[in-house]
Every structure is written in C-alpha cells, then in structure tokens.
C-alpha cells in the first residue's frame, strides 16, 4: 500500500509541476501581448490540430463500422476513441491559444491567469507535502520492520534460555533416586535423578560350567517372582558372558559359591511393570 501511495504522490507531484509551468507560460504569453510570429505559430498549431482531428474522426467512424461486423476488436475501437477525444481537447486548446495571442489578453484574463498560477503553486505545495508524507511513511515502515526483527531476536533468545532451563529425560521411566535439589545449579555432565524404565527390565543370572553347552542366545525363559508366585513372565536369553567367573558371594550356599559359572542376561516382558529393580526371581530356561 505504501509503495502504491508513493507512486501516486509522485505522479501528483509531476502533474502539479507541469500545471504550474503551463500556467506560468500562459501568463507570460498574455503579459507579452500579441506578436506576429506568435500568431503564425499558434495558427500553424491550430491547423495541425484540426487536420489530426479530422483524420481521427474518419478513423473512428471507420472503426465503428468495422466493429459491428467483428473485423476489429473493442479494444482497438476504444483506443481510437481515446485518441479522438485527446485530439478534440488539443484542438480546443490550440483555438484558445490562437485567440488569446491574436486578440491579446484583457486585464480580467491576466488576473485569472495569475490566480491560476497561484493555484498551481498551491497544488504543487500540496503534492510536495503528500510526497514528503509518503517518504516519511516508508521510513517509518522500515523502522517498524527493524523493530520487529529485534523483537523476534529477543523472543528467540528467551525461547532458547527457556529450553536450556528444561531438563528432559532420554526416555520415560520412574524416578528411583533424586540427586539434585530445586534451584541448584547443574553442570552439563551432572545427574539430577536416576530413572528406572520398568518396561525394559532384565535378569542377571549365572549358568554352571557343565550346563553352558545347552544354553544359546535367543532361548526362551520363564520368570517367576516371589511377589507374584502364581504368575509367569516370559523372557529370552539376550547375553552370555564369554568368560567364566566364580559364583558371586550373594549366592546362598558355600558349595555353589566355589563353582565356576557364566553370567547371562535374560530380557523380561514386564509390560505390566509389576517387576521392580532388585527383585529376586527364579528363571527357567526352556531348551
């Protein structure tokens, strides 16, 4: 919209400048009185305008007849009509100019022309004011655009700070231990809590050396918990240690603790999230 107003005001300014030049020229000519050379020039201009008008009148009549039969387009007819109207205006202006030069300007005519010059000057000032307002509006718009960009940058900065203030866990789970407290400053590598993903639990077990040849990764398993003795959970062997070790000390009997065993990992389907971390269970591997 501002670009349109700017172009419109520029056109008005150019028109006002042309009007004041024309009005001043007519006034100067009227004040100079009638001169033979000026009369001849005005008469020549009038004759030229009359010839052009006659030619365009004939063209318009011919185009009008042709348009009835569809031989020419309406657009072509309108173009000739516009040229005819312009020629009529040109001839009237030439006649006025010729009569003015030939007869000389009366005092009343000169006064009117002076008023016309002043009016044209006033129009020029108005057009200049509108053009100035258009330029100012354009500057205001650019300033507003820059301000908007600054505000957007501020919003982005605040959004980034807000994002940096939110700690997101890598996955869903249950908080089993809270490490950091509210309002405490946390470093990049610091932990704030320990999460347990109860949907993805597994059992650490130990297989005696003499049974290792029977167990393969992928073997199905059944898990029974003391907390739910009447329920069996399904699982499978997902890992077998490549090296033997002595049975951990938390195994119940001394005889079992001196045996060489292989650590295995059994993944358990705990979609019900009934099994908890550290819960003792019995595992039966299906061969």
C-alpha atoms as a PDB file:
ATOM      1  CA  UNK A   1       0.000   0.000   0.000  1.00  0.00           C
ATOM      2  CA  UNK A   2       2.829   2.417   0.840  1.00  0.00           C
ATOM      3  CA  UNK A   3       4.531   1.713  -2.492  1.00  0.00           C
ATOM      4  CA  UNK A   4       1.273   2.491  -4.291  1.00  0.00           C
ATOM      5  CA  UNK A   5       0.796   5.746  -2.350  1.00  0.00           C
ATOM      6  CA  UNK A   6       4.399   6.702  -3.048  1.00  0.00           C
ATOM      7  CA  UNK A   7       3.941   6.207  -6.803  1.00  0.00           C
ATOM      8  CA  UNK A   8       0.593   8.034  -6.713  1.00  0.00           C
ATOM      9  CA  UNK A   9       2.021  11.032  -4.849  1.00  0.00           C
ATOM     10  CA  UNK A  10       4.974  11.138  -7.242  1.00  0.00           C
ATOM     11  CA  UNK A  11       2.553  11.309 -10.177  1.00  0.00           C
ATOM     12  CA  UNK A  12       0.613  14.096  -8.457  1.00  0.00           C
ATOM     13  CA  UNK A  13       3.848  15.994  -7.867  1.00  0.00           C
ATOM     14  CA  UNK A  14       4.858  15.704 -11.523  1.00  0.00           C
ATOM     15  CA  UNK A  15       1.382  16.808 -12.629  1.00  0.00           C
ATOM     16  CA  UNK A  16       1.462  19.807 -10.290  1.00  0.00           C
ATOM     17  CA  UNK A  17       4.871  20.848 -11.616  1.00  0.00           C
ATOM     18  CA  UNK A  18       3.577  20.562 -15.187  1.00  0.00           C
ATOM     19  CA  UNK A  19       0.470  22.604 -14.325  1.00  0.00           C
ATOM     20  CA  UNK A  20       2.454  25.412 -12.787  1.00  0.00           C
ATOM     21  CA  UNK A  21       4.794  25.524 -15.780  1.00  0.00           C
ATOM     22  CA  UNK A  22       1.855  25.666 -18.197  1.00  0.00           C
ATOM     23  CA  UNK A  23       0.030  28.311 -16.166  1.00  0.00           C
ATOM     24  CA  UNK A  24       3.156  30.442 -15.905  1.00  0.00           C
ATOM     25  CA  UNK A  25       3.759  30.126 -19.644  1.00  0.00           C
ATOM     26  CA  UNK A  26       0.227  31.262 -20.453  1.00  0.00           C
ATOM     27  CA  UNK A  27       0.571  34.204 -18.080  1.00  0.00           C
ATOM     28  CA  UNK A  28       3.914  35.237 -19.547  1.00  0.00           C
ATOM     29  CA  UNK A  29       2.457  34.996 -23.005  1.00  0.00           C
ATOM     30  CA  UNK A  30      -0.560  37.095 -22.074  1.00  0.00           C
ATOM     31  CA  UNK A  31       1.623  39.763 -20.497  1.00  0.00           C
ATOM     32  CA  UNK A  32       3.847  39.899 -23.572  1.00  0.00           C
ATOM     33  CA  UNK A  33       0.933  40.859 -25.830  1.00  0.00           C
ATOM     34  CA  UNK A  34       0.231  39.669 -29.374  1.00  0.00           C
ATOM     35  CA  UNK A  35       3.177  39.219 -31.679  1.00  0.00           C
ATOM     36  CA  UNK A  36       3.043  38.401 -35.353  1.00  0.00           C
ATOM     37  CA  UNK A  37       5.401  35.451 -35.048  1.00  0.00           C
ATOM     38  CA  UNK A  38       3.430  34.035 -32.126  1.00  0.00           C
ATOM     39  CA  UNK A  39       0.193  34.405 -34.081  1.00  0.00           C
ATOM     40  CA  UNK A  40       1.667  32.473 -37.012  1.00  0.00           C
ATOM     41  CA  UNK A  41       2.904  29.711 -34.710  1.00  0.00           C
ATOM     42  CA  UNK A  42      -0.456  29.476 -32.947  1.00  0.00           C
ATOM     43  CA  UNK A  43      -2.281  29.364 -36.297  1.00  0.00           C
ATOM     44  CA  UNK A  44       0.024  26.587 -37.518  1.00  0.00           C
ATOM     45  CA  UNK A  45      -0.588  24.612 -34.332  1.00  0.00           C
ATOM     46  CA  UNK A  46      -4.341  25.090 -34.761  1.00  0.00           C
ATOM     47  CA  UNK A  47      -4.240  23.888 -38.384  1.00  0.00           C
ATOM     48  CA  UNK A  48      -2.199  20.852 -37.389  1.00  0.00           C
ATOM     49  CA  UNK A  49      -4.635  20.025 -34.590  1.00  0.00           C
ATOM     50  CA  UNK A  50      -7.599  20.416 -36.973  1.00  0.00           C
ATOM     51  CA  UNK A  51      -6.043  18.077 -39.551  1.00  0.00           C
ATOM     52  CA  UNK A  52      -5.263  15.481 -36.888  1.00  0.00           C
ATOM     53  CA  UNK A  53      -8.796  15.749 -35.501  1.00  0.00           C
ATOM     54  CA  UNK A  54     -10.329  15.291 -38.946  1.00  0.00           C
ATOM     55  CA  UNK A  55      -8.165  12.242 -39.586  1.00  0.00           C
ATOM     56  CA  UNK A  56      -9.056  10.648 -36.251  1.00  0.00           C
ATOM     57  CA  UNK A  57     -12.759  11.410 -36.791  1.00  0.00           C
ATOM     58  CA  UNK A  58     -12.665   9.455 -40.045  1.00  0.00           C
ATOM     59  CA  UNK A  59     -10.707   6.651 -38.391  1.00  0.00           C
ATOM     60  CA  UNK A  60     -13.234   6.435 -35.569  1.00  0.00           C
ATOM     61  CA  UNK A  61     -16.176   6.237 -37.983  1.00  0.00           C
ATOM     62  CA  UNK A  62     -14.415   3.523 -39.972  1.00  0.00           C
ATOM     63  CA  UNK A  63     -13.519   1.514 -36.849  1.00  0.00           C
ATOM     64  CA  UNK A  64     -17.094   1.869 -35.602  1.00  0.00           C
ATOM     65  CA  UNK A  65     -18.441   0.262 -38.785  1.00  0.00           C
ATOM     66  CA  UNK A  66     -15.789  -2.465 -38.707  1.00  0.00           C
ATOM     67  CA  UNK A  67     -16.550  -3.288 -35.083  1.00  0.00           C
ATOM     68  CA  UNK A  68     -20.164  -4.035 -35.972  1.00  0.00           C
ATOM     69  CA  UNK A  69     -19.011  -6.851 -38.240  1.00  0.00           C
ATOM     70  CA  UNK A  70     -16.363  -8.005 -35.777  1.00  0.00           C
ATOM     71  CA  UNK A  71     -13.453  -7.025 -38.042  1.00  0.00           C
ATOM     72  CA  UNK A  72     -11.780  -5.042 -35.248  1.00  0.00           C
ATOM     73  CA  UNK A  73     -11.703  -5.614 -31.522  1.00  0.00           C
ATOM     74  CA  UNK A  74     -13.458  -3.460 -28.965  1.00  0.00           C
ATOM     75  CA  UNK A  75     -10.051  -2.615 -27.523  1.00  0.00           C
ATOM     76  CA  UNK A  76      -8.896  -1.176 -30.866  1.00  0.00           C
ATOM     77  CA  UNK A  77     -12.094   0.880 -31.129  1.00  0.00           C
ATOM     78  CA  UNK A  78     -11.597   2.226 -27.596  1.00  0.00           C
ATOM     79  CA  UNK A  79      -8.012   3.182 -28.445  1.00  0.00           C
ATOM     80  CA  UNK A  80      -9.090   5.210 -31.488  1.00  0.00           C
ATOM     81  CA  UNK A  81     -11.855   6.825 -29.430  1.00  0.00           C
ATOM     82  CA  UNK A  82      -9.344   7.872 -26.763  1.00  0.00           C
ATOM     83  CA  UNK A  83      -7.094   9.347 -29.454  1.00  0.00           C
ATOM     84  CA  UNK A  84     -10.101  11.238 -30.916  1.00  0.00           C
ATOM     85  CA  UNK A  85     -11.015  12.736 -27.533  1.00  0.00           C
ATOM     86  CA  UNK A  86      -7.415  13.788 -26.989  1.00  0.00           C
ATOM     87  CA  UNK A  87      -7.342  15.399 -30.451  1.00  0.00           C
ATOM     88  CA  UNK A  88     -10.538  17.327 -29.685  1.00  0.00           C
ATOM     89  CA  UNK A  89      -9.018  18.620 -26.460  1.00  0.00           C
ATOM     90  CA  UNK A  90      -5.819  19.536 -28.287  1.00  0.00           C
ATOM     91  CA  UNK A  91      -7.748  21.479 -30.919  1.00  0.00           C
ATOM     92  CA  UNK A  92      -9.730  23.390 -28.273  1.00  0.00           C
ATOM     93  CA  UNK A  93      -6.503  24.308 -26.520  1.00  0.00           C
ATOM     94  CA  UNK A  94      -4.963  25.405 -29.840  1.00  0.00           C
ATOM     95  CA  UNK A  95      -8.005  27.569 -30.602  1.00  0.00           C
ATOM     96  CA  UNK A  96      -7.854  29.176 -27.170  1.00  0.00           C
ATOM     97  CA  UNK A  97      -4.151  29.820 -27.590  1.00  0.00           C
ATOM     98  CA  UNK A  98      -4.631  31.286 -31.071  1.00  0.00           C
ATOM     99  CA  UNK A  99      -7.488  33.580 -29.987  1.00  0.00           C
ATOM    100  CA  UNK A 100      -5.563  34.670 -26.926  1.00  0.00           C
ATOM    101  CA  UNK A 101      -2.474  35.620 -28.917  1.00  0.00           C
ATOM    102  CA  UNK A 102      -4.442  37.211 -31.733  1.00  0.00           C
ATOM    103  CA  UNK A 103      -6.809  39.290 -29.627  1.00  0.00           C
ATOM    104  CA  UNK A 104      -4.466  39.989 -26.761  1.00  0.00           C
ATOM    105  CA  UNK A 105      -5.183  39.368 -23.124  1.00  0.00           C
ATOM    106  CA  UNK A 106      -7.591  41.574 -21.232  1.00  0.00           C
ATOM    107  CA  UNK A 107      -6.924  42.715 -17.696  1.00  0.00           C
ATOM    108  CA  UNK A 108      -9.510  40.272 -16.341  1.00  0.00           C
ATOM    109  CA  UNK A 109      -7.889  37.421 -18.281  1.00  0.00           C
ATOM    110  CA  UNK A 110      -4.466  38.247 -16.889  1.00  0.00           C
ATOM    111  CA  UNK A 111      -5.891  38.342 -13.358  1.00  0.00           C
ATOM    112  CA  UNK A 112      -7.473  34.933 -13.886  1.00  0.00           C
ATOM    113  CA  UNK A 113      -4.199  33.577 -15.222  1.00  0.00           C
ATOM    114  CA  UNK A 114      -2.318  34.940 -12.227  1.00  0.00           C
ATOM    115  CA  UNK A 115      -4.825  33.225  -9.979  1.00  0.00           C
ATOM    116  CA  UNK A 116      -4.274  30.055 -11.986  1.00  0.00           C
ATOM    117  CA  UNK A 117      -0.537  30.302 -11.389  1.00  0.00           C
ATOM    118  CA  UNK A 118      -1.080  30.739  -7.656  1.00  0.00           C
ATOM    119  CA  UNK A 119      -3.492  27.817  -7.632  1.00  0.00           C
ATOM    120  CA  UNK A 120      -0.951  25.671  -9.465  1.00  0.00           C
ATOM    121  CA  UNK A 121       1.688  26.691  -6.918  1.00  0.00           C
ATOM    122  CA  UNK A 122      -0.657  25.708  -4.098  1.00  0.00           C
ATOM    123  CA  UNK A 123      -1.275  22.347  -5.764  1.00  0.00           C
ATOM    124  CA  UNK A 124       2.479  21.883  -6.063  1.00  0.00           C
ATOM    125  CA  UNK A 125       2.950  22.542  -2.345  1.00  0.00           C
ATOM    126  CA  UNK A 126       0.182  20.071  -1.542  1.00  0.00           C
ATOM    127  CA  UNK A 127       1.740  17.447  -3.783  1.00  0.00           C
ATOM    128  CA  UNK A 128       5.155  18.059  -2.191  1.00  0.00           C
ATOM    129  CA  UNK A 129       3.605  17.635   1.267  1.00  0.00           C
ATOM    130  CA  UNK A 130       1.964  14.352   0.241  1.00  0.00           C
ATOM    131  CA  UNK A 131       5.228  13.135  -1.274  1.00  0.00           C
ATOM    132  CA  UNK A 132       7.037  14.019   1.961  1.00  0.00           C
ATOM    133  CA  UNK A 133       4.436  12.127   3.989  1.00  0.00           C
ATOM    134  CA  UNK A 134       4.834   9.110   1.700  1.00  0.00           C
ATOM    135  CA  UNK A 135       8.616   9.159   2.180  1.00  0.00           C
ATOM    136  CA  UNK A 136       8.169   9.500   5.945  1.00  0.00           C
ATOM    137  CA  UNK A 137       5.685   6.615   5.993  1.00  0.00           C
ATOM    138  CA  UNK A 138       8.181   4.499   4.071  1.00  0.00           C
ATOM    139  CA  UNK A 139      10.905   5.333   6.604  1.00  0.00           C
ATOM    140  CA  UNK A 140       8.517   4.581   9.476  1.00  0.00           C
ATOM    141  CA  UNK A 141       7.692   1.225   7.887  1.00  0.00           C
ATOM    142  CA  UNK A 142      11.362   0.308   7.551  1.00  0.00           C
ATOM    143  CA  UNK A 143      11.950   1.346  11.162  1.00  0.00           C
ATOM    144  CA  UNK A 144       8.998  -0.793  12.256  1.00  0.00           C
ATOM    145  CA  UNK A 145      10.344  -3.763  10.286  1.00  0.00           C
ATOM    146  CA  UNK A 146      13.714  -3.421  12.011  1.00  0.00           C
ATOM    147  CA  UNK A 147      11.997  -3.193  15.394  1.00  0.00           C
ATOM    148  CA  UNK A 148      10.016  -6.363  14.625  1.00  0.00           C
ATOM    149  CA  UNK A 149      13.227  -8.189  13.702  1.00  0.00           C
ATOM    150  CA  UNK A 150      14.783  -7.100  17.010  1.00  0.00           C
ATOM    151  CA  UNK A 151      11.706  -8.327  18.903  1.00  0.00           C
ATOM    152  CA  UNK A 152      11.878 -11.655  17.061  1.00  0.00           C
ATOM    153  CA  UNK A 153      15.527 -11.989  18.065  1.00  0.00           C
ATOM    154  CA  UNK A 154      14.562 -11.270  21.681  1.00  0.00           C
ATOM    155  CA  UNK A 155      11.841 -13.933  21.530  1.00  0.00           C
ATOM    156  CA  UNK A 156      14.282 -16.463  20.065  1.00  0.00           C
ATOM    157  CA  UNK A 157      16.819 -15.650  22.786  1.00  0.00           C
ATOM    158  CA  UNK A 158      14.239 -16.062  25.556  1.00  0.00           C
ATOM    159  CA  UNK A 159      12.956 -19.284  23.973  1.00  0.00           C
ATOM    160  CA  UNK A 160      16.493 -20.675  23.873  1.00  0.00           C
ATOM    161  CA  UNK A 161      17.048 -19.732  27.512  1.00  0.00           C
ATOM    162  CA  UNK A 162      13.748 -21.363  28.434  1.00  0.00           C
ATOM    163  CA  UNK A 163      14.703 -24.507  26.534  1.00  0.00           C
ATOM    164  CA  UNK A 164      18.070 -24.567  28.312  1.00  0.00           C
ATOM    165  CA  UNK A 165      16.277 -24.404  31.675  1.00  0.00           C
ATOM    166  CA  UNK A 166      14.305 -27.597  30.983  1.00  0.00           C
ATOM    167  CA  UNK A 167      15.938 -30.964  31.636  1.00  0.00           C
ATOM    168  CA  UNK A 168      14.437 -33.790  29.610  1.00  0.00           C
ATOM    169  CA  UNK A 169      14.968 -37.470  30.336  1.00  0.00           C
ATOM    170  CA  UNK A 170      16.220 -39.582  27.420  1.00  0.00           C
ATOM    171  CA  UNK A 171      13.265 -41.951  27.932  1.00  0.00           C
ATOM    172  CA  UNK A 172      10.175 -42.475  30.074  1.00  0.00           C
ATOM    173  CA  UNK A 173      10.616 -44.069  33.469  1.00  0.00           C
ATOM    174  CA  UNK A 174      10.162 -43.861  37.218  1.00  0.00           C
ATOM    175  CA  UNK A 175      12.418 -41.715  39.402  1.00  0.00           C
ATOM    176  CA  UNK A 176      14.053 -44.008  41.935  1.00  0.00           C
ATOM    177  CA  UNK A 177      16.583 -41.520  43.285  1.00  0.00           C
ATOM    178  CA  UNK A 178      16.646 -37.721  43.315  1.00  0.00           C
ATOM    179  CA  UNK A 179      20.197 -36.367  43.165  1.00  0.00           C
ATOM    180  CA  UNK A 180      19.834 -32.592  42.656  1.00  0.00           C
ATOM    181  CA  UNK A 181      17.538 -30.232  44.529  1.00  0.00           C
ATOM    182  CA  UNK A 182      15.326 -27.350  43.361  1.00  0.00           C
ATOM    183  CA  UNK A 183      17.220 -24.114  42.447  1.00  0.00           C
ATOM    184  CA  UNK A 184      20.517 -25.999  42.398  1.00  0.00           C
ATOM    185  CA  UNK A 185      22.886 -25.101  39.544  1.00  0.00           C
ATOM    186  CA  UNK A 186      23.502 -28.171  37.401  1.00  0.00           C
ATOM    187  CA  UNK A 187      26.511 -28.633  35.137  1.00  0.00           C
ATOM    188  CA  UNK A 188      26.479 -30.114  31.659  1.00  0.00           C
ATOM    189  CA  UNK A 189      27.524 -33.608  32.729  1.00  0.00           C
ATOM    190  CA  UNK A 190      25.729 -33.582  36.099  1.00  0.00           C
ATOM    191  CA  UNK A 191      22.945 -36.019  37.006  1.00  0.00           C
ATOM    192  CA  UNK A 192      19.739 -34.787  38.608  1.00  0.00           C
ATOM    193  CA  UNK A 193      17.946 -38.098  39.094  1.00  0.00           C
ATOM    194  CA  UNK A 194      18.145 -41.813  38.457  1.00  0.00           C
ATOM    195  CA  UNK A 195      15.326 -43.255  36.366  1.00  0.00           C
ATOM    196  CA  UNK A 196      14.120 -46.810  36.076  1.00  0.00           C
ATOM    197  CA  UNK A 197      12.488 -47.986  32.884  1.00  0.00           C
ATOM    198  CA  UNK A 198      10.282 -50.796  34.193  1.00  0.00           C
ATOM    199  CA  UNK A 199       9.124 -51.703  30.714  1.00  0.00           C
ATOM    200  CA  UNK A 200      12.646 -52.792  29.820  1.00  0.00           C
ATOM    201  CA  UNK A 201      13.907 -54.965  32.696  1.00  0.00           C
ATOM    202  CA  UNK A 202      16.272 -57.898  32.654  1.00  0.00           C
ATOM    203  CA  UNK A 203      17.543 -60.585  34.988  1.00  0.00           C
ATOM    204  CA  UNK A 204      21.196 -61.252  35.769  1.00  0.00           C
ATOM    205  CA  UNK A 205      21.744 -64.963  36.220  1.00  0.00           C
ATOM    206  CA  UNK A 206      24.591 -67.474  36.350  1.00  0.00           C
ATOM    207  CA  UNK A 207      24.868 -70.771  34.466  1.00  0.00           C
ATOM    208  CA  UNK A 208      27.116 -73.579  35.803  1.00  0.00           C
ATOM    209  CA  UNK A 209      30.019 -74.513  33.582  1.00  0.00           C
ATOM    210  CA  UNK A 210      28.628 -78.004  32.919  1.00  0.00           C
ATOM    211  CA  UNK A 211      25.386 -76.516  31.513  1.00  0.00           C
ATOM    212  CA  UNK A 212      26.953 -73.942  29.197  1.00  0.00           C
ATOM    213  CA  UNK A 213      26.747 -76.170  26.136  1.00  0.00           C
ATOM    214  CA  UNK A 214      22.958 -76.306  26.467  1.00  0.00           C
ATOM    215  CA  UNK A 215      22.272 -72.562  26.577  1.00  0.00           C
ATOM    216  CA  UNK A 216      22.080 -70.379  23.460  1.00  0.00           C
ATOM    217  CA  UNK A 217      21.257 -66.721  22.939  1.00  0.00           C
ATOM    218  CA  UNK A 218      17.597 -66.457  21.997  1.00  0.00           C
ATOM    219  CA  UNK A 219      16.425 -69.375  24.168  1.00  0.00           C
ATOM    220  CA  UNK A 220      13.087 -68.603  25.740  1.00  0.00           C
ATOM    221  CA  UNK A 221      12.778 -68.338  29.503  1.00  0.00           C
ATOM    222  CA  UNK A 222      10.088 -68.242  32.165  1.00  0.00           C
ATOM    223  CA  UNK A 223      10.470 -65.959  35.171  1.00  0.00           C
ATOM    224  CA  UNK A 224       8.675 -66.367  38.499  1.00  0.00           C
ATOM    225  CA  UNK A 225       8.803 -63.782  41.289  1.00  0.00           C
ATOM    226  CA  UNK A 226       8.272 -64.387  44.985  1.00  0.00           C
ATOM    227  CA  UNK A 227       5.941 -61.380  44.954  1.00  0.00           C
ATOM    228  CA  UNK A 228       3.738 -62.962  42.263  1.00  0.00           C
ATOM    229  CA  UNK A 229       4.214 -66.728  42.694  1.00  0.00           C
ATOM    230  CA  UNK A 230       1.148 -67.611  40.632  1.00  0.00           C
ATOM    231  CA  UNK A 231       2.225 -65.581  37.613  1.00  0.00           C
ATOM    232  CA  UNK A 232       4.830 -66.449  34.985  1.00  0.00           C
ATOM    233  CA  UNK A 233       6.649 -63.784  32.950  1.00  0.00           C
ATOM    234  CA  UNK A 234       8.118 -64.535  29.533  1.00  0.00           C
ATOM    235  CA  UNK A 235      11.667 -63.694  28.531  1.00  0.00           C
ATOM    236  CA  UNK A 236      14.640 -64.764  26.451  1.00  0.00           C
ATOM    237  CA  UNK A 237      18.417 -65.093  26.789  1.00  0.00           C
ATOM    238  CA  UNK A 238      19.979 -61.946  25.319  1.00  0.00           C
ATOM    239  CA  UNK A 239      23.597 -62.236  26.505  1.00  0.00           C
ATOM    240  CA  UNK A 240      26.077 -64.923  27.628  1.00  0.00           C
ATOM    241  CA  UNK A 241      29.432 -63.881  29.106  1.00  0.00           C
ATOM    242  CA  UNK A 242      32.445 -65.132  27.127  1.00  0.00           C
ATOM    243  CA  UNK A 243      34.488 -65.878  30.270  1.00  0.00           C
ATOM    244  CA  UNK A 244      33.872 -67.853  33.449  1.00  0.00           C
ATOM    245  CA  UNK A 245      33.850 -66.425  36.978  1.00  0.00           C
ATOM    246  CA  UNK A 246      33.310 -67.688  40.460  1.00  0.00           C
ATOM    247  CA  UNK A 247      29.764 -67.592  41.722  1.00  0.00           C
ATOM    248  CA  UNK A 248      29.061 -64.204  43.423  1.00  0.00           C
ATOM    249  CA  UNK A 249      29.054 -64.167  47.222  1.00  0.00           C
ATOM    250  CA  UNK A 250      25.380 -63.349  47.426  1.00  0.00           C
ATOM    251  CA  UNK A 251      24.547 -66.867  46.156  1.00  0.00           C
ATOM    252  CA  UNK A 252      23.008 -68.784  49.039  1.00  0.00           C
ATOM    253  CA  UNK A 253      25.261 -71.851  49.625  1.00  0.00           C
ATOM    254  CA  UNK A 254      29.047 -72.024  50.023  1.00  0.00           C
ATOM    255  CA  UNK A 255      29.161 -75.064  47.737  1.00  0.00           C
ATOM    256  CA  UNK A 256      27.552 -73.071  44.963  1.00  0.00           C
ATOM    257  CA  UNK A 257      29.876 -70.079  45.523  1.00  0.00           C
ATOM    258  CA  UNK A 258      33.056 -72.038  44.695  1.00  0.00           C
ATOM    259  CA  UNK A 259      31.795 -73.169  41.292  1.00  0.00           C
ATOM    260  CA  UNK A 260      32.777 -71.572  38.010  1.00  0.00           C
ATOM    261  CA  UNK A 261      29.767 -70.013  36.297  1.00  0.00           C
ATOM    262  CA  UNK A 262      28.934 -67.870  33.262  1.00  0.00           C
ATOM    263  CA  UNK A 263      26.918 -64.720  33.644  1.00  0.00           C
ATOM    264  CA  UNK A 264      23.808 -64.482  31.444  1.00  0.00           C
ATOM    265  CA  UNK A 265      21.270 -61.772  30.791  1.00  0.00           C
ATOM    266  CA  UNK A 266      17.575 -62.578  30.327  1.00  0.00           C
ATOM    267  CA  UNK A 267      15.313 -59.844  28.977  1.00  0.00           C
ATOM    268  CA  UNK A 268      11.824 -59.952  30.528  1.00  0.00           C
ATOM    269  CA  UNK A 269       8.437 -58.855  29.197  1.00  0.00           C
ATOM    270  CA  UNK A 270       7.369 -56.527  32.012  1.00  0.00           C
ATOM    271  CA  UNK A 271       4.686 -54.565  30.175  1.00  0.00           C
ATOM    272  CA  UNK A 272       2.577 -54.675  33.340  1.00  0.00           C
ATOM    273  CA  UNK A 273       5.501 -53.044  35.225  1.00  0.00           C
ATOM    274  CA  UNK A 274       4.903 -55.380  38.162  1.00  0.00           C
ATOM    275  CA  UNK A 275       8.536 -56.463  38.440  1.00  0.00           C
ATOM    276  CA  UNK A 276      10.762 -53.930  40.198  1.00  0.00           C
ATOM    277  CA  UNK A 277      14.511 -53.308  40.208  1.00  0.00           C
ATOM    278  CA  UNK A 278      16.461 -55.582  42.557  1.00  0.00           C
ATOM    279  CA  UNK A 279      13.582 -58.028  42.964  1.00  0.00           C
ATOM    280  CA  UNK A 280      14.802 -61.675  43.285  1.00  0.00           C
ATOM    281  CA  UNK A 281      13.276 -64.067  40.772  1.00  0.00           C
ATOM    282  CA  UNK A 282      13.647 -67.655  39.593  1.00  0.00           C
ATOM    283  CA  UNK A 283      14.402 -68.281  35.928  1.00  0.00           C
ATOM    284  CA  UNK A 284      13.675 -71.417  33.934  1.00  0.00           C
ATOM    285  CA  UNK A 285      15.388 -71.543  30.544  1.00  0.00           C
ATOM    286  CA  UNK A 286      13.468 -73.598  28.002  1.00  0.00           C
ATOM    287  CA  UNK A 287      15.876 -75.726  25.969  1.00  0.00           C
END
